[in-house]
């Protein structure tokens, strides 16, 4: 710990806040590790599944690269590289974005939809096993409320 004047002005976490923060981190790691391992067993990564499921829910199974990157919290260049790998596997294709000459559209292919439809039941089972079935309805409602608070605050700070 630093003894500089700026370090002394930091509002350090109190014991309750520290325990909550560490519990949250353990929760995220445990759930993500379990669901990522289960997706990998069926040949997909978490980002693959996120892109495929998002595209399946959009009109014409299409999203802009920019919108998808924002949804995932990724840079456009990072998602572009990932989309290239998915495109090489036939899961999506790119198309020019008529609204943005520098952008592109990500379009779910028939193969991508088929892969998603095959993976979805296993993914839902994994989410249930690693998360949903371990919580009460009250726990789930509290998490939704907490997520709304954190997400709402995030809108004010990019």
Protein backbone atom coordinates (compact mmCIF):
# COMPACT_ATOMS: atom_id res chain seq x y z
CA UNK A 1 0.00 0.00 0.00
CA UNK A 2 1.31 3.41 -0.94
CA UNK A 3 1.71 6.19 1.59
CA UNK A 4 1.41 9.03 -0.90
CA UNK A 5 -1.21 11.66 -0.20
CA UNK A 6 -3.40 10.46 -3.07
CA UNK A 7 -3.43 6.92 -1.67
CA UNK A 8 -4.66 8.21 1.70
CA UNK A 9 -7.70 9.81 0.05
CA UNK A 10 -8.86 6.57 -1.53
CA UNK A 11 -12.12 5.39 0.08
CA UNK A 12 -10.89 1.86 0.83
CA UNK A 13 -13.44 -0.92 1.04
CA UNK A 14 -14.70 -1.69 4.49
CA UNK A 15 -14.80 -5.39 5.52
CA UNK A 16 -18.41 -5.88 4.41
CA UNK A 17 -17.75 -4.24 1.03
CA UNK A 18 -14.56 -6.24 0.56
CA UNK A 19 -16.33 -9.54 1.30
CA UNK A 20 -19.15 -8.63 -1.11
CA UNK A 21 -16.70 -7.67 -3.85
CA UNK A 22 -14.70 -10.87 -3.44
CA UNK A 23 -17.87 -12.98 -3.35
CA UNK A 24 -19.05 -11.35 -6.57
CA UNK A 25 -15.69 -12.07 -8.25
CA UNK A 26 -15.78 -15.73 -7.11
CA UNK A 27 -19.35 -16.02 -8.42
CA UNK A 28 -18.41 -14.64 -11.82
CA UNK A 29 -15.36 -16.89 -12.14
CA UNK A 30 -17.25 -20.02 -11.06
CA UNK A 31 -20.20 -19.47 -13.40
CA UNK A 32 -18.11 -18.37 -16.38
CA UNK A 33 -15.64 -21.22 -15.95
CA UNK A 34 -18.40 -23.81 -15.82
CA UNK A 35 -20.43 -22.50 -18.74
CA UNK A 36 -17.32 -21.84 -20.87
CA UNK A 37 -16.09 -25.39 -20.28
CA UNK A 38 -19.50 -26.78 -21.27
CA UNK A 39 -19.62 -24.66 -24.45
CA UNK A 40 -16.07 -25.71 -25.35
CA UNK A 41 -17.15 -29.34 -25.10
CA UNK A 42 -19.59 -28.69 -27.95
CA UNK A 43 -17.10 -26.68 -30.02
CA UNK A 44 -18.05 -23.10 -29.18
CA UNK A 45 -16.54 -20.30 -27.15
CA UNK A 46 -18.57 -17.91 -25.01
CA UNK A 47 -18.07 -15.11 -27.58
CA UNK A 48 -19.16 -17.47 -30.38
CA UNK A 49 -22.37 -18.23 -28.52
CA UNK A 50 -22.97 -14.56 -27.69
CA UNK A 51 -22.63 -13.52 -31.33
CA UNK A 52 -24.75 -16.38 -32.65
CA UNK A 53 -27.54 -15.92 -30.09
CA UNK A 54 -27.63 -12.14 -30.60
CA UNK A 55 -27.83 -12.49 -34.37
CA UNK A 56 -30.59 -15.11 -34.07
CA UNK A 57 -32.72 -12.62 -32.12
CA UNK A 58 -32.29 -9.72 -34.59
CA UNK A 59 -34.39 -8.85 -37.62
CA UNK A 60 -33.00 -10.66 -40.67
CA UNK A 61 -30.46 -12.28 -38.29
CA UNK A 62 -28.27 -9.20 -38.79
CA UNK A 63 -26.44 -6.72 -36.56
CA UNK A 64 -23.86 -4.06 -37.17
CA UNK A 65 -20.37 -4.85 -36.01
CA UNK A 66 -20.51 -1.70 -33.88
CA UNK A 67 -23.73 -2.72 -32.09
CA UNK A 68 -22.44 -6.22 -31.41
CA UNK A 69 -19.10 -4.93 -30.11
CA UNK A 70 -20.88 -2.55 -27.74
CA UNK A 71 -23.16 -5.33 -26.49
CA UNK A 72 -20.15 -7.52 -25.73
CA UNK A 73 -18.00 -4.74 -24.30
CA UNK A 74 -15.37 -5.38 -26.97
CA UNK A 75 -13.56 -3.05 -29.33
CA UNK A 76 -14.68 -3.21 -32.94
CA UNK A 77 -11.25 -4.45 -34.02
CA UNK A 78 -11.32 -7.29 -31.49
CA UNK A 79 -14.79 -8.35 -32.62
CA UNK A 80 -13.77 -7.99 -36.26
CA UNK A 81 -10.93 -10.47 -35.75
CA UNK A 82 -13.27 -12.86 -33.92
CA UNK A 83 -15.90 -12.49 -36.65
CA UNK A 84 -13.26 -13.40 -39.24
CA UNK A 85 -12.67 -16.69 -37.44
CA UNK A 86 -16.41 -17.33 -37.21
CA UNK A 87 -16.81 -16.46 -40.89
CA UNK A 88 -14.08 -18.96 -41.81
CA UNK A 89 -16.11 -21.62 -39.96
CA UNK A 90 -19.24 -20.68 -41.93
CA UNK A 91 -21.15 -19.41 -38.87
CA UNK A 92 -21.69 -15.88 -40.15
CA UNK A 93 -20.95 -13.70 -43.12
CA UNK A 94 -20.13 -10.05 -43.42
CA UNK A 95 -21.95 -7.58 -45.62
CA UNK A 96 -21.35 -3.88 -46.26
CA UNK A 97 -23.31 -1.61 -43.93
CA UNK A 98 -25.32 0.73 -46.17
CA UNK A 99 -25.66 3.21 -43.29
CA UNK A 100 -21.92 3.33 -42.56
CA UNK A 101 -19.44 3.02 -45.40
CA UNK A 102 -16.67 2.09 -42.98
CA UNK A 103 -18.73 -0.47 -41.04
CA UNK A 104 -20.06 -3.89 -41.80
CA UNK A 105 -23.01 -6.05 -40.97
CA UNK A 106 -22.72 -9.45 -39.33
CA UNK A 107 -25.26 -11.87 -40.78
CA UNK A 108 -26.07 -15.27 -39.29
CA UNK A 109 -25.71 -18.05 -41.86
CA UNK A 110 -27.92 -21.13 -42.09
CA UNK A 111 -24.95 -23.11 -40.72
CA UNK A 112 -24.59 -20.66 -37.82
CA UNK A 113 -28.27 -20.98 -36.97
CA UNK A 114 -28.01 -24.77 -37.11
CA UNK A 115 -24.98 -24.74 -34.78
CA UNK A 116 -26.81 -22.42 -32.38
CA UNK A 117 -29.95 -24.55 -32.40
CA UNK A 118 -27.85 -27.64 -31.63
CA UNK A 119 -25.91 -25.85 -28.86
CA UNK A 120 -28.76 -23.98 -27.16
CA UNK A 121 -30.22 -26.88 -25.14
CA UNK A 122 -26.80 -27.81 -23.75
CA UNK A 123 -26.04 -24.17 -22.97
CA UNK A 124 -29.34 -23.66 -21.12
CA UNK A 125 -28.70 -26.85 -19.14
CA UNK A 126 -25.24 -25.54 -18.27
CA UNK A 127 -26.61 -22.14 -17.15
CA UNK A 128 -29.16 -23.95 -15.00
CA UNK A 129 -26.58 -26.29 -13.46
CA UNK A 130 -23.96 -23.64 -12.73
CA UNK A 131 -26.26 -20.76 -11.79
CA UNK A 132 -30.09 -20.73 -11.94
CA UNK A 133 -30.83 -23.96 -10.06
CA UNK A 134 -28.52 -22.94 -7.20
CA UNK A 135 -30.57 -19.83 -6.42
CA UNK A 136 -34.01 -19.08 -5.06
CA UNK A 137 -36.52 -16.91 -6.90
CA UNK A 138 -35.74 -14.20 -4.33
CA UNK A 139 -32.01 -14.48 -5.10
CA UNK A 140 -32.71 -14.13 -8.82
CA UNK A 141 -34.90 -11.07 -8.24
CA UNK A 142 -32.19 -9.49 -6.06
CA UNK A 143 -29.56 -10.13 -8.74
CA UNK A 144 -31.76 -8.58 -11.39
CA UNK A 145 -32.28 -5.52 -9.20
CA UNK A 146 -28.54 -5.27 -8.48
CA UNK A 147 -27.67 -5.64 -12.16
CA UNK A 148 -30.11 -2.85 -12.97
CA UNK A 149 -28.41 -0.58 -10.43
CA UNK A 150 -24.93 -1.32 -11.75
CA UNK A 151 -25.98 -1.08 -15.40
CA UNK A 152 -27.84 2.18 -14.76
CA UNK A 153 -24.76 3.71 -13.13
CA UNK A 154 -22.60 2.49 -16.01
CA UNK A 155 -24.64 4.49 -18.52
CA UNK A 156 -23.32 7.67 -16.93
CA UNK A 157 -19.67 6.55 -17.03
CA UNK A 158 -18.49 4.95 -20.30
